[in-house]
All heavy atoms as atom14 arrays in JSON, in Angstrom:
{
  "sequence": "GVRHDSGDPYEWGEKIIAHYKKYGVDPRTKLLLFSDSLDFDKAQKL",
  "atom14_mask": [
    [1, 1, 1, 1, 0, 0, 0, 0, 0, 0, 0, 0, 0, 0],
    [1, 1, 1, 1, 1, 1, 1, 0, 0, 0, 0, 0, 0, 0],
    [1, 1, 1, 1, 1, 1, 1, 1, 1, 1, 1, 0, 0, 0],
    [1, 1, 1, 1, 1, 1, 1, 1, 1, 1, 0, 0, 0, 0],
    [1, 1, 1, 1, 1, 1, 1, 1, 0, 0, 0, 0, 0, 0],
    [1, 1, 1, 1, 1, 1, 0, 0, 0, 0, 0, 0, 0, 0],
    [1, 1, 1, 1, 0, 0, 0, 0, 0, 0, 0, 0, 0, 0],
    [1, 1, 1, 1, 1, 1, 1, 1, 0, 0, 0, 0, 0, 0],
    [1, 1, 1, 1, 1, 1, 1, 0, 0, 0, 0, 0, 0, 0],
    [1, 1, 1, 1, 1, 1, 1, 1, 1, 1, 1, 1, 0, 0],
    [1, 1, 1, 1, 1, 1, 1, 1, 1, 0, 0, 0, 0, 0],
    [1, 1, 1, 1, 1, 1, 1, 1, 1, 1, 1, 1, 1, 1],
    [1, 1, 1, 1, 0, 0, 0, 0, 0, 0, 0, 0, 0, 0],
    [1, 1, 1, 1, 1, 1, 1, 1, 1, 0, 0, 0, 0, 0],
    [1, 1, 1, 1, 1, 1, 1, 1, 1, 0, 0, 0, 0, 0],
    [1, 1, 1, 1, 1, 1, 1, 1, 0, 0, 0, 0, 0, 0],
    [1, 1, 1, 1, 1, 1, 1, 1, 0, 0, 0, 0, 0, 0],
    [1, 1, 1, 1, 1, 0, 0, 0, 0, 0, 0, 0, 0, 0],
    [1, 1, 1, 1, 1, 1, 1, 1, 1, 1, 0, 0, 0, 0],
    [1, 1, 1, 1, 1, 1, 1, 1, 1, 1, 1, 1, 0, 0],
    [1, 1, 1, 1, 1, 1, 1, 1, 1, 0, 0, 0, 0, 0],
    [1, 1, 1, 1, 1, 1, 1, 1, 1, 0, 0, 0, 0, 0],
    [1, 1, 1, 1, 1, 1, 1, 1, 1, 1, 1, 1, 0, 0],
    [1, 1, 1, 1, 0, 0, 0, 0, 0, 0, 0, 0, 0, 0],
    [1, 1, 1, 1, 1, 1, 1, 0, 0, 0, 0, 0, 0, 0],
    [1, 1, 1, 1, 1, 1, 1, 1, 0, 0, 0, 0, 0, 0],
    [1, 1, 1, 1, 1, 1, 1, 0, 0, 0, 0, 0, 0, 0],
    [1, 1, 1, 1, 1, 1, 1, 1, 1, 1, 1, 0, 0, 0],
    [1, 1, 1, 1, 1, 1, 1, 0, 0, 0, 0, 0, 0, 0],
    [1, 1, 1, 1, 1, 1, 1, 1, 1, 0, 0, 0, 0, 0],
    [1, 1, 1, 1, 1, 1, 1, 1, 0, 0, 0, 0, 0, 0],
    [1, 1, 1, 1, 1, 1, 1, 1, 0, 0, 0, 0, 0, 0],
    [1, 1, 1, 1, 1, 1, 1, 1, 0, 0, 0, 0, 0, 0],
    [1, 1, 1, 1, 1, 1, 1, 1, 1, 1, 1, 0, 0, 0],
    [1, 1, 1, 1, 1, 1, 0, 0, 0, 0, 0, 0, 0, 0],
    [1, 1, 1, 1, 1, 1, 1, 1, 0, 0, 0, 0, 0, 0],
    [1, 1, 1, 1, 1, 1, 0, 0, 0, 0, 0, 0, 0, 0],
    [1, 1, 1, 1, 1, 1, 1, 1, 0, 0, 0, 0, 0, 0],
    [1, 1, 1, 1, 1, 1, 1, 1, 0, 0, 0, 0, 0, 0],
    [1, 1, 1, 1, 1, 1, 1, 1, 1, 1, 1, 0, 0, 0],
    [1, 1, 1, 1, 1, 1, 1, 1, 0, 0, 0, 0, 0, 0],
    [1, 1, 1, 1, 1, 1, 1, 1, 1, 0, 0, 0, 0, 0],
    [1, 1, 1, 1, 1, 0, 0, 0, 0, 0, 0, 0, 0, 0],
    [1, 1, 1, 1, 1, 1, 1, 1, 1, 0, 0, 0, 0, 0],
    [1, 1, 1, 1, 1, 1, 1, 1, 1, 0, 0, 0, 0, 0],
    [1, 1, 1, 1, 1, 1, 1, 1, 0, 0, 0, 0, 0, 0]
  ],
  "atom14_positions": [
    [[-0.77, 2.73, 10.0], [-0.66, 2.22, 8.65], [-1.14, 0.79, 8.55], [-1.67, 0.22, 9.51], [0.0, 0.0, 0.0], [0.0, 0.0, 0.0], [0.0, 0.0, 0.0], [0.0, 0.0, 0.0], [0.0, 0.0, 0.0], [0.0, 0.0, 0.0], [0.0, 0.0, 0.0], [0.0, 0.0, 0.0], [0.0, 0.0, 0.0], [0.0, 0.0, 0.0]],
    [[-0.94, 0.19, 7.37], [-1.39, -1.17, 7.11], [-0.31, -1.93, 6.36], [0.56, -1.35, 5.71], [-2.71, -1.19, 6.3], [-3.87, -0.68, 7.14], [-2.59, -0.36, 5.03], [0.0, 0.0, 0.0], [0.0, 0.0, 0.0], [0.0, 0.0, 0.0], [0.0, 0.0, 0.0], [0.0, 0.0, 0.0], [0.0, 0.0, 0.0], [0.0, 0.0, 0.0]],
    [[-0.38, -3.29, 6.46], [0.63, -4.14, 5.82], [-0.01, -5.01, 4.75], [-1.08, -5.58, 4.95], [1.32, -5.03, 6.87], [2.34, -5.99, 6.27], [3.3, -6.51, 7.31], [2.76, -7.5, 8.21], [2.81, -8.82, 8.02], [3.37, -9.3, 6.91], [2.33, -9.65, 8.91], [0.0, 0.0, 0.0], [0.0, 0.0, 0.0], [0.0, 0.0, 0.0]],
    [[0.68, -5.1, 3.61], [0.24, -5.94, 2.48], [0.99, -7.26, 2.5], [2.22, -7.28, 2.62], [0.52, -5.21, 1.16], [0.3, -6.07, -0.04], [1.32, -6.79, -0.64], [-0.82, -6.34, -0.75], [0.84, -7.45, -1.68], [-0.46, -7.2, -1.78], [0.0, 0.0, 0.0], [0.0, 0.0, 0.0], [0.0, 0.0, 0.0], [0.0, 0.0, 0.0]],
    [[0.24, -8.39, 2.34], [0.91, -9.68, 2.34], [0.33, -10.66, 1.32], [0.7, -11.82, 1.31], [0.88, -10.3, 3.74], [1.93, -11.38, 3.91], [3.12, -11.1, 3.62], [1.58, -12.5, 4.32], [0.0, 0.0, 0.0], [0.0, 0.0, 0.0], [0.0, 0.0, 0.0], [0.0, 0.0, 0.0], [0.0, 0.0, 0.0], [0.0, 0.0, 0.0]],
    [[-0.63, -10.23, 0.5], [-1.11, -11.1, -0.57], [-1.92, -10.28, -1.57], [-2.39, -9.18, -1.26], [-2.0, -12.24, -0.01], [-3.19, -11.74, 0.53], [0.0, 0.0, 0.0], [0.0, 0.0, 0.0], [0.0, 0.0, 0.0], [0.0, 0.0, 0.0], [0.0, 0.0, 0.0], [0.0, 0.0, 0.0], [0.0, 0.0, 0.0], [0.0, 0.0, 0.0]],
    [[-2.08, -10.83, -2.77], [-2.82, -10.13, -3.81], [-1.96, -9.1, -4.53], [-0.8, -8.86, -4.18], [0.0, 0.0, 0.0], [0.0, 0.0, 0.0], [0.0, 0.0, 0.0], [0.0, 0.0, 0.0], [0.0, 0.0, 0.0], [0.0, 0.0, 0.0], [0.0, 0.0, 0.0], [0.0, 0.0, 0.0], [0.0, 0.0, 0.0], [0.0, 0.0, 0.0]],
    [[-2.52, -8.49, -5.56], [-1.8, -7.49, -6.35], [-1.48, -6.27, -5.49], [-2.38, -5.61, -4.97], [-2.65, -7.06, -7.54], [-1.89, -6.1, -8.45], [-1.83, -4.9, -8.1], [-1.39, -6.55, -9.48], [0.0, 0.0, 0.0], [0.0, 0.0, 0.0], [0.0, 0.0, 0.0], [0.0, 0.0, 0.0], [0.0, 0.0, 0.0], [0.0, 0.0, 0.0]],
    [[-0.2, -5.93, -5.31], [0.15, -4.84, -4.39], [-0.28, -3.47, -4.89], [-0.56, -2.59, -4.07], [1.68, -4.94, -4.29], [2.11, -5.61, -5.56], [1.01, -6.58, -5.89], [0.0, 0.0, 0.0], [0.0, 0.0, 0.0], [0.0, 0.0, 0.0], [0.0, 0.0, 0.0], [0.0, 0.0, 0.0], [0.0, 0.0, 0.0], [0.0, 0.0, 0.0]],
    [[-0.34, -3.28, -6.19], [-0.74, -1.98, -6.73], [-2.25, -1.76, -6.54], [-2.68, -0.69, -6.1], [-0.36, -1.87, -8.2], [1.13, -1.9, -8.43], [1.78, -3.11, -8.7], [1.89, -0.74, -8.35], [3.15, -3.15, -8.89], [3.26, -0.77, -8.55], [3.89, -1.98, -8.81], [5.25, -2.01, -9.0], [0.0, 0.0, 0.0], [0.0, 0.0, 0.0]],
    [[-3.03, -2.79, -6.84], [-4.47, -2.69, -6.61], [-4.76, -2.48, -5.13], [-5.62, -1.68, -4.76], [-5.17, -3.95, -7.12], [-5.15, -4.12, -8.63], [-5.84, -5.4, -9.07], [-6.47, -6.06, -8.2], [-5.76, -5.73, -10.26], [0.0, 0.0, 0.0], [0.0, 0.0, 0.0], [0.0, 0.0, 0.0], [0.0, 0.0, 0.0], [0.0, 0.0, 0.0]],
    [[-4.06, -3.24, -4.3], [-4.24, -3.12, -2.85], [-3.91, -1.71, -2.38], [-4.67, -1.1, -1.62], [-3.35, -4.14, -2.14], [-3.34, -4.04, -0.65], [-4.2, -4.63, 0.23], [-2.41, -3.3, 0.16], [-3.87, -4.31, 1.53], [-2.77, -3.5, 1.51], [-1.3, -2.5, -0.13], [-2.06, -2.92, 2.57], [-0.61, -1.92, 0.92], [-0.98, -2.13, 2.25]],
    [[-2.78, -1.17, -2.82], [-2.37, 0.16, -2.38], [-3.37, 1.22, -2.77], [-3.71, 2.12, -1.97], [0.0, 0.0, 0.0], [0.0, 0.0, 0.0], [0.0, 0.0, 0.0], [0.0, 0.0, 0.0], [0.0, 0.0, 0.0], [0.0, 0.0, 0.0], [0.0, 0.0, 0.0], [0.0, 0.0, 0.0], [0.0, 0.0, 0.0], [0.0, 0.0, 0.0]],
    [[-3.86, 1.15, -4.0], [-4.86, 2.14, -4.44], [-6.15, 2.0, -3.65], [-6.81, 3.0, -3.32], [-5.13, 1.97, -5.94], [-3.96, 2.34, -6.83], [-3.65, 3.84, -6.82], [-4.41, 4.62, -6.22], [-2.63, 4.24, -7.42], [0.0, 0.0, 0.0], [0.0, 0.0, 0.0], [0.0, 0.0, 0.0], [0.0, 0.0, 0.0], [0.0, 0.0, 0.0]],
    [[-6.52, 0.77, -3.32], [-7.72, 0.54, -2.53], [-7.58, 1.15, -1.13], [-8.52, 1.78, -0.61], [-7.99, -0.96, -2.42], [-9.28, -1.33, -1.72], [-9.47, -2.84, -1.68], [-9.7, -3.41, -3.06], [-10.04, -4.86, -3.0], [0.0, 0.0, 0.0], [0.0, 0.0, 0.0], [0.0, 0.0, 0.0], [0.0, 0.0, 0.0], [0.0, 0.0, 0.0]],
    [[-6.41, 0.99, -0.53], [-6.18, 1.55, 0.81], [-6.16, 3.08, 0.75], [-6.74, 3.76, 1.61], [-4.86, 1.02, 1.4], [-4.92, -0.51, 1.57], [-4.56, 1.7, 2.73], [-5.97, -1.02, 2.51], [0.0, 0.0, 0.0], [0.0, 0.0, 0.0], [0.0, 0.0, 0.0], [0.0, 0.0, 0.0], [0.0, 0.0, 0.0], [0.0, 0.0, 0.0]],
    [[-5.51, 3.63, -0.24], [-5.46, 5.1, -0.39], [-6.87, 5.66, -0.54], [-7.23, 6.67, 0.09], [-4.56, 5.48, -1.58], [-3.09, 5.24, -1.22], [-4.77, 6.94, -1.99], [-2.13, 5.35, -2.39], [0.0, 0.0, 0.0], [0.0, 0.0, 0.0], [0.0, 0.0, 0.0], [0.0, 0.0, 0.0], [0.0, 0.0, 0.0], [0.0, 0.0, 0.0]],
    [[-7.69, 5.02, -1.37], [-9.08, 5.47, -1.54], [-9.85, 5.38, -0.23], [-10.69, 6.25, 0.08], [-9.76, 4.63, -2.62], [0.0, 0.0, 0.0], [0.0, 0.0, 0.0], [0.0, 0.0, 0.0], [0.0, 0.0, 0.0], [0.0, 0.0, 0.0], [0.0, 0.0, 0.0], [0.0, 0.0, 0.0], [0.0, 0.0, 0.0], [0.0, 0.0, 0.0]],
    [[-9.56, 4.36, 0.55], [-10.24, 4.2, 1.84], [-9.87, 5.34, 2.79], [-10.74, 5.9, 3.48], [-9.85, 2.85, 2.45], [-10.65, 2.48, 3.66], [-11.95, 2.03, 3.59], [-10.32, 2.5, 4.99], [-12.39, 1.78, 4.81], [-11.42, 2.05, 5.68], [0.0, 0.0, 0.0], [0.0, 0.0, 0.0], [0.0, 0.0, 0.0], [0.0, 0.0, 0.0]],
    [[-8.6, 5.71, 2.84], [-8.19, 6.84, 3.67], [-8.89, 8.12, 3.21], [-9.41, 8.9, 4.03], [-6.68, 7.03, 3.62], [-5.89, 6.05, 4.45], [-4.77, 5.38, 3.93], [-6.23, 5.81, 5.78], [-4.04, 4.49, 4.69], [-5.5, 4.91, 6.55], [-4.41, 4.26, 6.01], [-3.69, 3.39, 6.77], [0.0, 0.0, 0.0], [0.0, 0.0, 0.0]],
    [[-8.93, 8.34, 1.92], [-9.54, 9.56, 1.4], [-11.04, 9.61, 1.72], [-11.6, 10.69, 1.95], [-9.31, 9.66, -0.11], [-7.87, 9.97, -0.48], [-7.7, 10.06, -2.0], [-6.27, 10.43, -2.37], [-6.09, 10.49, -3.85], [0.0, 0.0, 0.0], [0.0, 0.0, 0.0], [0.0, 0.0, 0.0], [0.0, 0.0, 0.0], [0.0, 0.0, 0.0]],
    [[-11.68, 8.45, 1.73], [-13.11, 8.4, 2.05], [-13.39, 8.99, 3.43], [-14.43, 9.61, 3.66], [-13.59, 6.95, 2.01], [-15.08, 6.79, 2.3], [-15.52, 5.34, 2.16], [-15.11, 4.51, 3.36], [-15.71, 3.15, 3.32], [0.0, 0.0, 0.0], [0.0, 0.0, 0.0], [0.0, 0.0, 0.0], [0.0, 0.0, 0.0], [0.0, 0.0, 0.0]],
    [[-12.42, 8.82, 4.35], [-12.58, 9.35, 5.71], [-11.9, 10.7, 5.89], [-11.74, 11.18, 7.01], [-12.05, 8.34, 6.73], [-12.96, 7.15, 6.9], [-12.55, 5.88, 6.49], [-14.23, 7.29, 7.45], [-13.37, 4.78, 6.64], [-15.06, 6.18, 7.61], [-14.63, 4.95, 7.2], [-15.47, 3.85, 7.35], [0.0, 0.0, 0.0], [0.0, 0.0, 0.0]],
    [[-11.48, 11.31, 4.79], [-10.87, 12.63, 4.87], [-9.48, 12.64, 5.45], [-9.01, 13.67, 5.94], [0.0, 0.0, 0.0], [0.0, 0.0, 0.0], [0.0, 0.0, 0.0], [0.0, 0.0, 0.0], [0.0, 0.0, 0.0], [0.0, 0.0, 0.0], [0.0, 0.0, 0.0], [0.0, 0.0, 0.0], [0.0, 0.0, 0.0], [0.0, 0.0, 0.0]],
    [[-8.79, 11.5, 5.38], [-7.43, 11.38, 5.91], [-6.44, 11.48, 4.75], [-6.61, 10.82, 3.71], [-7.26, 10.03, 6.64], [-5.81, 9.83, 7.06], [-8.18, 9.97, 7.85], [0.0, 0.0, 0.0], [0.0, 0.0, 0.0], [0.0, 0.0, 0.0], [0.0, 0.0, 0.0], [0.0, 0.0, 0.0], [0.0, 0.0, 0.0], [0.0, 0.0, 0.0]],
    [[-5.43, 12.29, 4.92], [-4.38, 12.44, 3.91], [-3.54, 11.16, 3.89], [-2.85, 10.86, 4.89], [-3.51, 13.65, 4.24], [-2.46, 13.92, 3.17], [-2.26, 13.07, 2.27], [-1.82, 14.99, 3.24], [0.0, 0.0, 0.0], [0.0, 0.0, 0.0], [0.0, 0.0, 0.0], [0.0, 0.0, 0.0], [0.0, 0.0, 0.0], [0.0, 0.0, 0.0]],
    [[-3.55, 10.38, 2.81], [-2.77, 9.14, 2.77], [-1.27, 9.36, 2.99], [-0.57, 8.43, 3.4], [-3.04, 8.6, 1.35], [-4.3, 9.25, 0.92], [-4.3, 10.61, 1.57], [0.0, 0.0, 0.0], [0.0, 0.0, 0.0], [0.0, 0.0, 0.0], [0.0, 0.0, 0.0], [0.0, 0.0, 0.0], [0.0, 0.0, 0.0], [0.0, 0.0, 0.0]],
    [[-0.8, 10.57, 2.73], [0.63, 10.84, 2.92], [1.03, 10.85, 4.39], [2.22, 10.87, 4.72], [0.99, 12.18, 2.27], [0.9, 12.15, 0.73], [1.07, 13.51, 0.12], [0.0, 14.43, 0.55], [-0.11, 15.68, 0.17], [0.8, 16.2, -0.65], [-1.1, 16.43, 0.6], [0.0, 0.0, 0.0], [0.0, 0.0, 0.0], [0.0, 0.0, 0.0]],
    [[0.05, 10.82, 5.3], [0.33, 10.74, 6.73], [0.32, 9.29, 7.23], [0.57, 9.04, 8.41], [-0.69, 11.54, 7.54], [-1.99, 10.92, 7.43], [-0.75, 12.98, 7.06], [0.0, 0.0, 0.0], [0.0, 0.0, 0.0], [0.0, 0.0, 0.0], [0.0, 0.0, 0.0], [0.0, 0.0, 0.0], [0.0, 0.0, 0.0], [0.0, 0.0, 0.0]],
    [[0.01, 8.35, 6.33], [-0.12, 6.94, 6.72], [0.92, 6.09, 5.97], [1.42, 6.46, 4.91], [-1.53, 6.43, 6.4], [-2.64, 7.15, 7.18], [-2.55, 6.84, 8.67], [-3.7, 7.46, 9.44], [-3.66, 7.1, 10.88], [0.0, 0.0, 0.0], [0.0, 0.0, 0.0], [0.0, 0.0, 0.0], [0.0, 0.0, 0.0], [0.0, 0.0, 0.0]],
    [[1.2, 4.92, 6.55], [2.23, 4.02, 6.02], [1.6, 2.84, 5.28], [0.68, 2.19, 5.8], [3.1, 3.48, 7.15], [4.16, 2.45, 6.77], [5.27, 3.1, 5.97], [4.72, 1.77, 8.02], [0.0, 0.0, 0.0], [0.0, 0.0, 0.0], [0.0, 0.0, 0.0], [0.0, 0.0, 0.0], [0.0, 0.0, 0.0], [0.0, 0.0, 0.0]],
    [[2.11, 2.54, 4.09], [1.86, 1.28, 3.43], [3.12, 0.43, 3.54], [4.19, 0.82, 3.05], [1.52, 1.48, 1.94], [0.27, 2.28, 1.59], [-0.02, 2.18, 0.09], [-0.94, 1.85, 2.4], [0.0, 0.0, 0.0], [0.0, 0.0, 0.0], [0.0, 0.0, 0.0], [0.0, 0.0, 0.0], [0.0, 0.0, 0.0], [0.0, 0.0, 0.0]],
    [[3.02, -0.69, 4.22], [4.16, -1.6, 4.41], [3.93, -2.85, 3.55], [2.97, -3.59, 3.76], [4.29, -2.0, 5.88], [5.36, -3.04, 6.22], [6.75, -2.55, 5.86], [5.3, -3.43, 7.69], [0.0, 0.0, 0.0], [0.0, 0.0, 0.0], [0.0, 0.0, 0.0], [0.0, 0.0, 0.0], [0.0, 0.0, 0.0], [0.0, 0.0, 0.0]],
    [[4.8, -3.05, 2.59], [4.69, -4.2, 1.68], [5.62, -5.31, 2.15], [6.79, -5.06, 2.47], [5.05, -3.77, 0.26], [4.11, -2.77, -0.34], [4.33, -1.41, -0.2], [2.97, -3.17, -1.04], [3.47, -0.46, -0.75], [2.09, -2.25, -1.59], [2.34, -0.89, -1.44], [0.0, 0.0, 0.0], [0.0, 0.0, 0.0], [0.0, 0.0, 0.0]],
    [[5.09, -6.56, 2.15], [5.91, -7.65, 2.68], [5.68, -8.99, 1.98], [6.01, -10.04, 2.54], [5.63, -7.82, 4.18], [4.28, -8.2, 4.42], [0.0, 0.0, 0.0], [0.0, 0.0, 0.0], [0.0, 0.0, 0.0], [0.0, 0.0, 0.0], [0.0, 0.0, 0.0], [0.0, 0.0, 0.0], [0.0, 0.0, 0.0], [0.0, 0.0, 0.0]],
    [[5.11, -8.98, 0.78], [4.73, -10.22, 0.13], [5.77, -10.65, -0.91], [5.79, -10.15, -2.03], [3.36, -10.05, -0.54], [2.89, -11.32, -1.24], [3.33, -12.41, -0.84], [2.09, -11.21, -2.19], [0.0, 0.0, 0.0], [0.0, 0.0, 0.0], [0.0, 0.0, 0.0], [0.0, 0.0, 0.0], [0.0, 0.0, 0.0], [0.0, 0.0, 0.0]],
    [[6.63, -11.59, -0.53], [7.57, -12.23, -1.47], [8.33, -11.23, -2.32], [8.43, -11.35, -3.55], [6.81, -13.21, -2.39], [6.1, -14.15, -1.64], [0.0, 0.0, 0.0], [0.0, 0.0, 0.0], [0.0, 0.0, 0.0], [0.0, 0.0, 0.0], [0.0, 0.0, 0.0], [0.0, 0.0, 0.0], [0.0, 0.0, 0.0], [0.0, 0.0, 0.0]],
    [[8.91, -10.24, -1.65], [9.55, -9.14, -2.36], [11.01, -9.44, -2.68], [11.72, -10.08, -1.91], [9.48, -7.87, -1.53], [8.08, -7.27, -1.31], [8.17, -6.12, -0.32], [7.49, -6.79, -2.62], [0.0, 0.0, 0.0], [0.0, 0.0, 0.0], [0.0, 0.0, 0.0], [0.0, 0.0, 0.0], [0.0, 0.0, 0.0], [0.0, 0.0, 0.0]],
    [[11.47, -8.92, -3.82], [12.89, -8.72, -4.04], [13.11, -7.21, -4.2], [12.17, -6.42, -4.12], [13.4, -9.51, -5.26], [12.68, -9.12, -6.55], [12.27, -7.95, -6.72], [12.54, -10.0, -7.43], [0.0, 0.0, 0.0], [0.0, 0.0, 0.0], [0.0, 0.0, 0.0], [0.0, 0.0, 0.0], [0.0, 0.0, 0.0], [0.0, 0.0, 0.0]],
    [[14.35, -6.8, -4.39], [14.65, -5.36, -4.4], [14.1, -4.67, -5.64], [13.71, -3.5, -5.59], [16.14, -5.13, -4.26], [16.68, -5.41, -2.88], [18.05, -5.38, -2.65], [15.84, -5.69, -1.82], [18.56, -5.63, -1.38], [16.34, -5.93, -0.55], [17.7, -5.91, -0.33], [0.0, 0.0, 0.0], [0.0, 0.0, 0.0], [0.0, 0.0, 0.0]],
    [[14.05, -5.36, -6.77], [13.5, -4.74, -7.98], [12.0, -4.46, -7.82], [11.51, -3.38, -8.17], [13.73, -5.65, -9.2], [15.19, -5.7, -9.62], [15.93, -4.75, -9.29], [15.58, -6.69, -10.26], [0.0, 0.0, 0.0], [0.0, 0.0, 0.0], [0.0, 0.0, 0.0], [0.0, 0.0, 0.0], [0.0, 0.0, 0.0], [0.0, 0.0, 0.0]],
    [[11.27, -5.43, -7.26], [9.84, -5.23, -7.02], [9.62, -4.08, -6.03], [8.73, -3.25, -6.21], [9.22, -6.51, -6.47], [9.12, -7.66, -7.44], [8.53, -8.89, -6.76], [8.51, -10.09, -7.67], [8.0, -11.31, -6.98], [0.0, 0.0, 0.0], [0.0, 0.0, 0.0], [0.0, 0.0, 0.0], [0.0, 0.0, 0.0], [0.0, 0.0, 0.0]],
    [[10.44, -4.06, -4.98], [10.29, -3.01, -3.97], [10.56, -1.63, -4.56], [9.84, -0.67, -4.27], [11.22, -3.28, -2.79], [0.0, 0.0, 0.0], [0.0, 0.0, 0.0], [0.0, 0.0, 0.0], [0.0, 0.0, 0.0], [0.0, 0.0, 0.0], [0.0, 0.0, 0.0], [0.0, 0.0, 0.0], [0.0, 0.0, 0.0], [0.0, 0.0, 0.0]],
    [[11.59, -1.52, -5.4], [11.91, -0.23, -6.0], [10.77, 0.27, -6.87], [10.41, 1.47, -6.83], [13.19, -0.33, -6.84], [13.65, 0.99, -7.44], [14.07, 2.02, -6.4], [14.55, 1.67, -5.32], [13.88, 3.31, -6.7], [0.0, 0.0, 0.0], [0.0, 0.0, 0.0], [0.0, 0.0, 0.0], [0.0, 0.0, 0.0], [0.0, 0.0, 0.0]],
    [[10.15, -0.62, -7.66], [9.03, -0.22, -8.5], [7.83, 0.23, -7.68], [7.17, 1.23, -8.0], [8.64, -1.38, -9.43], [9.68, -1.67, -10.51], [9.28, -2.89, -11.33], [10.35, -3.22, -12.38], [10.03, -4.45, -13.13], [0.0, 0.0, 0.0], [0.0, 0.0, 0.0], [0.0, 0.0, 0.0], [0.0, 0.0, 0.0], [0.0, 0.0, 0.0]],
    [[7.55, -0.49, -6.6], [6.45, -0.09, -5.71], [6.74, 1.25, -5.05], [5.86, 2.11, -4.93], [6.23, -1.16, -4.64], [5.53, -2.44, -5.11], [5.7, -3.55, -4.08], [4.05, -2.18, -5.37], [0.0, 0.0, 0.0], [0.0, 0.0, 0.0], [0.0, 0.0, 0.0], [0.0, 0.0, 0.0], [0.0, 0.0, 0.0], [0.0, 0.0, 0.0]]
  ]
}
């Protein structure tokens, strides 16, 4: 998987998912780890 630490997390996540799909990899088998200045409300929405 990959870790997010700056920039818009939603744009970043979609970009990573598209990258996995480009190589024929099911994104549901990979981890997105978010770590940029989070609180629990932001984490729940993500």
